[in-house]
C-alpha atoms as a PDB file:
ATOM      1  CA  MET A   1      33.508  -1.678   8.287  1.00  0.00           C
ATOM      2  CA  ALA A   2      36.839   0.075   7.780  1.00  0.00           C
ATOM      3  CA  ASP A   3      36.763  -0.949   4.105  1.00  0.00           C
ATOM      4  CA  LEU A   4      33.346   0.677   3.728  1.00  0.00           C
ATOM      5  CA  ALA A   5      34.605   3.907   5.325  1.00  0.00           C
ATOM      6  CA  GLU A   6      37.603   3.940   2.982  1.00  0.00           C
ATOM      7  CA  ALA A   7      35.355   3.449  -0.048  1.00  0.00           C
ATOM      8  CA  VAL A   8      32.996   6.249   1.023  1.00  0.00           C
ATOM      9  CA  ALA A   9      35.982   8.540   1.622  1.00  0.00           C
ATOM     10  CA  THR A  10      36.964   8.279  -2.055  1.00  0.00           C
ATOM     11  CA  LEU A  11      33.622   9.641  -3.320  1.00  0.00           C
ATOM     12  CA  PRO A  12      33.565  13.201  -4.710  1.00  0.00           C
ATOM     13  CA  GLY A  13      32.562  15.770  -2.110  1.00  0.00           C
ATOM     14  CA  VAL A  14      33.275  13.591   0.935  1.00  0.00           C
ATOM     15  CA  ARG A  15      35.565  15.471   3.309  1.00  0.00           C
ATOM     16  CA  SER A  16      36.120  12.639   5.769  1.00  0.00           C
ATOM     17  CA  ALA A  17      34.799   9.185   6.627  1.00  0.00           C
ATOM     18  CA  SER A  18      35.467   7.086   9.701  1.00  0.00           C
ATOM     19  CA  VAL A  19      33.963   4.326  11.816  1.00  0.00           C
ATOM     20  CA  GLU A  20      32.230   5.478  14.997  1.00  0.00           C
ATOM     21  CA  LYS A  21      30.411   3.056  17.294  1.00  0.00           C
ATOM     22  CA  GLY A  22      30.087   0.447  14.566  1.00  0.00           C
ATOM     23  CA  GLU A  23      28.785   2.800  11.862  1.00  0.00           C
ATOM     24  CA  VAL A  24      30.399   4.717   9.036  1.00  0.00           C
ATOM     25  CA  VAL A  25      30.153   8.474   9.588  1.00  0.00           C
ATOM     26  CA  ALA A  26      30.973  10.704   6.630  1.00  0.00           C
ATOM     27  CA  HIS A  27      31.088  14.507   6.371  1.00  0.00           C
ATOM     28  CA  ALA A  28      30.318  15.829   2.901  1.00  0.00           C
ATOM     29  CA  ASP A  29      29.874  19.048   0.950  1.00  0.00           C
ATOM     30  CA  ARG A  30      26.285  20.225   0.736  1.00  0.00           C
ATOM     31  CA  GLY A  31      26.647  21.064  -2.961  1.00  0.00           C
ATOM     32  CA  VAL A  32      27.221  17.441  -4.010  1.00  0.00           C
ATOM     33  CA  LEU A  33      24.578  15.907  -1.736  1.00  0.00           C
ATOM     34  CA  LEU A  34      22.289  14.608  -4.497  1.00  0.00           C
ATOM     35  CA  GLU A  35      25.123  13.129  -6.540  1.00  0.00           C
ATOM     36  CA  LEU A  36      26.618  11.522  -3.430  1.00  0.00           C
ATOM     37  CA  MET A  37      23.320  10.028  -2.266  1.00  0.00           C
ATOM     38  CA  THR A  38      22.610   8.656  -5.733  1.00  0.00           C
ATOM     39  CA  THR A  39      25.979   6.904  -5.735  1.00  0.00           C
ATOM     40  CA  LEU A  40      25.410   5.519  -2.251  1.00  0.00           C
ATOM     41  CA  ARG A  41      22.073   4.114  -3.422  1.00  0.00           C
ATOM     42  CA  ASP A  42      23.152   2.705  -6.811  1.00  0.00           C
ATOM     43  CA  ASP A  43      26.776   1.634  -6.381  1.00  0.00           C
ATOM     44  CA  PRO A  44      26.783  -2.092  -5.458  1.00  0.00           C
ATOM     45  CA  ARG A  45      29.572  -1.479  -2.944  1.00  0.00           C
ATOM     46  CA  PHE A  46      27.133   0.556  -0.857  1.00  0.00           C
ATOM     47  CA  ALA A  47      23.560  -0.352  -1.930  1.00  0.00           C
ATOM     48  CA  PHE A  48      21.862   1.918   0.610  1.00  0.00           C
ATOM     49  CA  GLU A  49      18.245   1.204  -0.289  1.00  0.00           C
ATOM     50  CA  GLN A  50      16.681   3.122   2.591  1.00  0.00           C
ATOM     51  CA  VAL A  51      16.892   6.441   4.392  1.00  0.00           C
ATOM     52  CA  MET A  52      16.005   5.421   7.927  1.00  0.00           C
ATOM     53  CA  ASP A  53      15.651   8.981   9.211  1.00  0.00           C
ATOM     54  CA  ILE A  54      16.876  12.546   8.808  1.00  0.00           C
ATOM     55  CA  CYS A  55      17.678  14.693  11.807  1.00  0.00           C
ATOM     56  CA  GLY A  56      19.505  17.893  12.715  1.00  0.00           C
ATOM     57  CA  VAL A  57      22.033  19.123  15.260  1.00  0.00           C
ATOM     58  CA  ASP A  58      22.519  22.774  16.235  1.00  0.00           C
ATOM     59  CA  TRP A  59      26.054  24.033  16.979  1.00  0.00           C
ATOM     60  CA  PRO A  60      25.452  27.742  17.793  1.00  0.00           C
ATOM     61  CA  GLU A  61      29.152  28.609  17.874  1.00  0.00           C
ATOM     62  CA  ARG A  62      29.705  27.661  14.207  1.00  0.00           C
ATOM     63  CA  ALA A  63      29.099  29.840  11.159  1.00  0.00           C
ATOM     64  CA  GLU A  64      27.224  26.951   9.540  1.00  0.00           C
ATOM     65  CA  ARG A  65      25.644  25.993  12.788  1.00  0.00           C
ATOM     66  CA  PHE A  66      23.355  23.167  11.631  1.00  0.00           C
ATOM     67  CA  ASP A  67      24.288  19.569  10.877  1.00  0.00           C
ATOM     68  CA  VAL A  68      21.803  17.773   8.617  1.00  0.00           C
ATOM     69  CA  VAL A  69      22.226  14.066   9.316  1.00  0.00           C
ATOM     70  CA  TYR A  70      21.069  11.274   6.981  1.00  0.00           C
ATOM     71  CA  ASN A  71      21.015   7.771   8.449  1.00  0.00           C
ATOM     72  CA  LEU A  72      21.203   5.229   5.615  1.00  0.00           C
ATOM     73  CA  LEU A  73      20.598   1.493   5.695  1.00  0.00           C
ATOM     74  CA  SER A  74      21.581  -1.232   3.259  1.00  0.00           C
ATOM     75  CA  VAL A  75      19.295  -4.185   3.889  1.00  0.00           C
ATOM     76  CA  SER A  76      21.001  -6.319   1.259  1.00  0.00           C
ATOM     77  CA  LEU A  77      24.521  -5.769   2.648  1.00  0.00           C
ATOM     78  CA  ASN A  78      23.539  -5.302   6.311  1.00  0.00           C
ATOM     79  CA  GLN A  79      25.442  -2.045   6.747  1.00  0.00           C
ATOM     80  CA  ARG A  80      24.702   1.496   7.844  1.00  0.00           C
ATOM     81  CA  ALA A  81      26.148   4.926   7.163  1.00  0.00           C
ATOM     82  CA  ARG A  82      25.579   8.400   8.559  1.00  0.00           C
ATOM     83  CA  ILE A  83      26.082  11.230   6.080  1.00  0.00           C
ATOM     84  CA  ILE A  84      26.408  14.755   7.485  1.00  0.00           C
ATOM     85  CA  VAL A  85      26.279  18.100   5.672  1.00  0.00           C
ATOM     86  CA  THR A  86      26.218  21.559   7.217  1.00  0.00           C
ATOM     87  CA  THR A  87      24.169  24.683   6.619  1.00  0.00           C
ATOM     88  CA  ASN A  88      22.951  27.872   8.293  1.00  0.00           C
ATOM     89  CA  GLU A  89      19.667  29.740   8.585  1.00  0.00           C
ATOM     90  CA  SER A  90      19.660  30.882   4.951  1.00  0.00           C
ATOM     91  CA  LEU A  91      21.442  28.213   2.895  1.00  0.00           C
ATOM     92  CA  PRO A  92      19.019  25.574   1.525  1.00  0.00           C
ATOM     93  CA  VAL A  93      19.829  21.864   1.566  1.00  0.00           C
ATOM     94  CA  PRO A  94      18.591  19.838  -1.443  1.00  0.00           C
ATOM     95  CA  SER A  95      15.787  17.345  -0.798  1.00  0.00           C
ATOM     96  CA  VAL A  96      16.633  13.659  -1.215  1.00  0.00           C
ATOM     97  CA  CYS A  97      12.999  12.663  -1.814  1.00  0.00           C
ATOM     98  CA  GLU A  98      13.645  12.333  -5.545  1.00  0.00           C
ATOM     99  CA  ILE A  99      16.339   9.737  -4.829  1.00  0.00           C
ATOM    100  CA  TRP A 100      14.241   7.635  -2.460  1.00  0.00           C
ATOM    101  CA  PRO A 101      10.646   8.485  -3.533  1.00  0.00           C
ATOM    102  CA  ASP A 102       9.252   5.081  -2.525  1.00  0.00           C
ATOM    103  CA  TYR A 103      10.577   5.363   1.003  1.00  0.00           C
ATOM    104  CA  VAL A 104       8.394   8.174   2.278  1.00  0.00           C
ATOM    105  CA  TYR A 105       5.671   6.370   4.177  1.00  0.00           C
ATOM    106  CA  GLN A 106       2.354   7.474   5.579  1.00  0.00           C
ATOM    107  CA  TRP A 107       2.056   5.635   8.861  1.00  0.00           C
ATOM    108  CA  HIS A 108       5.589   4.575   9.707  1.00  0.00           C
ATOM    109  CA  ARG A 109       8.920   5.363   8.077  1.00  0.00           C
ATOM    110  CA  GLU A 110      11.049   2.282   8.637  1.00  0.00           C
ATOM    111  CA  GLY A 111      10.885  -1.469   8.804  1.00  0.00           C
ATOM    112  CA  PHE A 112      12.988  -3.786  10.892  1.00  0.00           C
ATOM    113  CA  GLU A 113      15.997  -5.869  10.027  1.00  0.00           C
ATOM    114  CA  LEU A 114      16.235  -9.635  10.374  1.00  0.00           C
ATOM    115  CA  PRO A 115      17.913 -10.309  13.742  1.00  0.00           C
ATOM    116  CA  HIS A 116      20.841 -12.676  13.837  1.00  0.00           C
ATOM    117  CA  GLY A 117      19.585 -16.215  14.304  1.00  0.00           C
ATOM    118  CA  ALA A 118      16.014 -15.427  13.238  1.00  0.00           C
ATOM    119  CA  GLU A 119      14.172 -17.169  10.392  1.00  0.00           C
ATOM    120  CA  LEU A 120      12.633 -15.034   7.656  1.00  0.00           C
ATOM    121  CA  LEU A 121       9.045 -16.169   7.061  1.00  0.00           C
ATOM    122  CA  ALA A 122       7.715 -13.556   4.633  1.00  0.00           C
ATOM    123  CA  GLU A 123       9.188 -10.668   2.695  1.00  0.00           C
ATOM    124  CA  GLY A 124       7.916  -7.724   0.664  1.00  0.00           C
ATOM    125  CA  ASP A 125       9.190  -5.275  -1.947  1.00  0.00           C
ATOM    126  CA  ILE A 126       9.408  -2.095   0.136  1.00  0.00           C
ATOM    127  CA  PHE A 127       9.683  -3.478   3.662  1.00  0.00           C
ATOM    128  CA  ARG A 128      11.745  -6.602   3.041  1.00  0.00           C
ATOM    129  CA  VAL A 129      11.229  -8.302   6.421  1.00  0.00           C
ATOM    130  CA  GLN A 130       7.460  -8.845   6.714  1.00  0.00           C
ATOM    131  CA  ALA A 131       7.464 -11.719   9.210  1.00  0.00           C
ATOM    132  CA  LEU A 132      10.102 -13.581  11.193  1.00  0.00           C
ATOM    133  CA  ARG A 133      10.414 -16.245  13.862  1.00  0.00           C
ATOM    134  CA  TYR A 134      13.006 -16.267  16.624  1.00  0.00           C
ATOM    135  CA  GLY A 135      13.129 -19.495  18.541  1.00  0.00           C
ATOM    136  CA  PRO A 136      10.078 -21.727  18.850  1.00  0.00           C
ATOM    137  CA  ALA A 137       7.442 -19.145  19.818  1.00  0.00           C
ATOM    138  CA  ALA A 138       8.584 -15.529  19.237  1.00  0.00           C
ATOM    139  CA  TYR A 139       7.326 -13.832  16.068  1.00  0.00           C
ATOM    140  CA  GLY A 140       7.748 -10.395  14.549  1.00  0.00           C
ATOM    141  CA  ILE A 141       5.204  -9.122  12.007  1.00  0.00           C
ATOM    142  CA  GLN A 142       5.593  -5.952   9.946  1.00  0.00           C
ATOM    143  CA  PHE A 143       2.185  -5.839   8.271  1.00  0.00           C
ATOM    144  CA  HIS A 144      -0.946  -4.854  10.208  1.00  0.00           C
ATOM    145  CA  ALA A 145      -3.367  -7.761  10.225  1.00  0.00           C
ATOM    146  CA  GLU A 146      -5.199  -6.269  13.198  1.00  0.00           C
ATOM    147  CA  VAL A 147      -6.381  -3.096  11.445  1.00  0.00           C
ATOM    148  CA  THR A 148     -10.159  -2.646  11.442  1.00  0.00           C
ATOM    149  CA  HIS A 149     -12.379  -0.451   9.279  1.00  0.00           C
ATOM    150  CA  ALA A 150     -12.822   1.950  12.204  1.00  0.00           C
ATOM    151  CA  MET A 151      -9.050   2.206  12.640  1.00  0.00           C
ATOM    152  CA  MET A 152      -8.617   3.002   8.946  1.00  0.00           C
ATOM    153  CA  CYS A 153     -11.233   5.747   9.190  1.00  0.00           C
ATOM    154  CA  ARG A 154      -9.476   7.234  12.195  1.00  0.00           C
ATOM    155  CA  TRP A 155      -5.969   7.024  10.713  1.00  0.00           C
ATOM    156  CA  THR A 156      -6.920   8.503   7.346  1.00  0.00           C
ATOM    157  CA  THR A 157      -8.872  11.314   9.030  1.00  0.00           C
ATOM    158  CA  ARG A 158      -6.472  12.319  11.788  1.00  0.00           C
ATOM    159  CA  GLY A 159      -3.450  11.657   9.585  1.00  0.00           C
ATOM    160  CA  HIS A 160      -4.821  13.365   6.480  1.00  0.00           C
ATOM    161  CA  ALA A 161      -1.727  15.572   6.183  1.00  0.00           C
ATOM    162  CA  ARG A 162       0.360  12.480   5.422  1.00  0.00           C
ATOM    163  CA  MET A 163      -1.593  12.030   2.193  1.00  0.00           C
ATOM    164  CA  GLU A 164       0.431  14.951   0.829  1.00  0.00           C
ATOM    165  CA  LEU A 165       3.780  13.183   1.304  1.00  0.00           C
ATOM    166  CA  PRO A 166       5.652  11.968  -1.814  1.00  0.00           C
ATOM    167  CA  GLY A 167       4.553   8.485  -2.758  1.00  0.00           C
ATOM    168  CA  ALA A 168       1.739   8.380  -0.202  1.00  0.00           C
ATOM    169  CA  LYS A 169      -1.191   6.085  -0.928  1.00  0.00           C
ATOM    170  CA  GLN A 170      -4.397   8.095  -1.041  1.00  0.00           C
ATOM    171  CA  ARG A 171      -7.381   7.514   1.236  1.00  0.00           C
ATOM    172  CA  ALA A 172      -9.614   6.121  -1.507  1.00  0.00           C
ATOM    173  CA  ALA A 173      -6.979   3.527  -2.430  1.00  0.00           C
ATOM    174  CA  HIS A 174      -6.743   2.306   1.163  1.00  0.00           C
ATOM    175  CA  PHE A 175     -10.471   1.643   1.293  1.00  0.00           C
ATOM    176  CA  ALA A 176     -10.636   0.194  -2.222  1.00  0.00           C
ATOM    177  CA  GLU A 177      -8.012  -2.434  -1.370  1.00  0.00           C
ATOM    178  CA  ARG A 178      -9.486  -3.419   1.978  1.00  0.00           C
ATOM    179  CA  PRO A 179     -12.323  -5.664   0.650  1.00  0.00           C
ATOM    180  CA  VAL A 180      -9.852  -7.284  -1.750  1.00  0.00           C
ATOM    181  CA  TYR A 181      -7.437  -8.461   0.941  1.00  0.00           C
ATOM    182  CA  ASP A 182      -9.430  -8.371   4.183  1.00  0.00           C
ATOM    183  CA  PRO A 183     -11.045 -11.871   4.002  1.00  0.00           C
ATOM    184  CA  ALA A 184      -7.705 -13.578   3.364  1.00  0.00           C
ATOM    185  CA  ILE A 185      -5.989 -11.571   6.107  1.00  0.00           C
ATOM    186  CA  ARG A 186      -8.709 -12.429   8.634  1.00  0.00           C
ATOM    187  CA  THR A 187      -8.386 -16.123   7.787  1.00  0.00           C
ATOM    188  CA  TRP A 188      -4.615 -15.930   8.119  1.00  0.00           C
ATOM    189  CA  LEU A 189      -4.776 -14.110  11.458  1.00  0.00           C
ATOM    190  CA  ALA A 190      -7.244 -16.588  12.973  1.00  0.00           C
ATOM    191  CA  THR A 191      -5.118 -19.553  11.864  1.00  0.00           C
ATOM    192  CA  PHE A 192      -1.894 -17.968  13.049  1.00  0.00           C
ATOM    193  CA  LEU A 193      -3.221 -17.056  16.500  1.00  0.00           C
ATOM    194  CA  GLU A 194      -4.805 -20.479  16.996  1.00  0.00           C
ATOM    195  CA  ARG A 195      -1.602 -22.324  16.169  1.00  0.00           C
ATOM    196  CA  TRP A 196       0.519 -19.918  18.207  1.00  0.00           C
ATOM    197  CA  VAL A 197      -1.661 -20.136  21.336  1.00  0.00           C
ATOM    198  CA  GLU A 198      -1.676 -23.937  21.063  1.00  0.00           C
ATOM    199  CA  GLY A 199       2.107 -23.881  21.040  1.00  0.00           C
ATOM    200  CA  GLY A 200       2.558 -24.982  17.458  1.00  0.00           C
ATOM    201  CA  THR A 201       5.272 -23.715  15.154  1.00  0.00           C
ATOM    202  CA  VAL A 202       4.129 -21.436  12.352  1.00  0.00           C
ATOM    203  CA  GLY A 203       6.220 -21.855   9.222  1.00  0.00           C
ATOM    204  CA  ALA A 204       6.711 -19.695   6.181  1.00  0.00           C
ATOM    205  CA  SER A 205       3.532 -20.825   4.425  1.00  0.00           C
ATOM    206  CA  ALA A 206       1.312 -19.877   7.357  1.00  0.00           C
ATOM    207  CA  ALA A 207       3.158 -16.688   8.198  1.00  0.00           C
ATOM    208  CA  ALA A 208       3.314 -15.249   4.704  1.00  0.00           C
ATOM    209  CA  THR A 209       1.042 -12.409   3.764  1.00  0.00           C
ATOM    210  CA  PRO A 210      -2.028 -13.474   1.761  1.00  0.00           C
END
């Protein structure tokens, strides 16, 4: 972790980088944010494929009273970093959506990592960990096999504003894909639940998405 902090500290625009509570925390100049984030995504030393979340902190006593905090995750290298820039009420901060356009999601904004000791059963392109098993009977599933037509109608109606997010799949596409994949998903879910309730072990072939 210290090596990662030292490497981040050498990047242009980074004022400081240290390890705090097991994560790299770096303070950077707002003016180089896009260049810095691009390097953190593309440089194989860092390989931060995902922005897990963006949040803010208000320090009223400071001239630039707001911290803008970017929490980054590298799934491939199993490392995290927190990048912080400052601003005030009038200074704009560049958007990082152009750097991570595929990681702005409609219904949830992050996946989960593979816990230590767990077995990866299925993986995807955007959310890598799609299904996992921990021990003989505990499973984690990222995809939503339980979604019904009524649930889709409700989500795409009440959550219509999310259709305007960068990279968001449109309502028509959701419904067009449902009849393509729904029969296979229903078959998978019935088989999975039957084997799980009976106490059997579900391997990669049964846990993989159809």
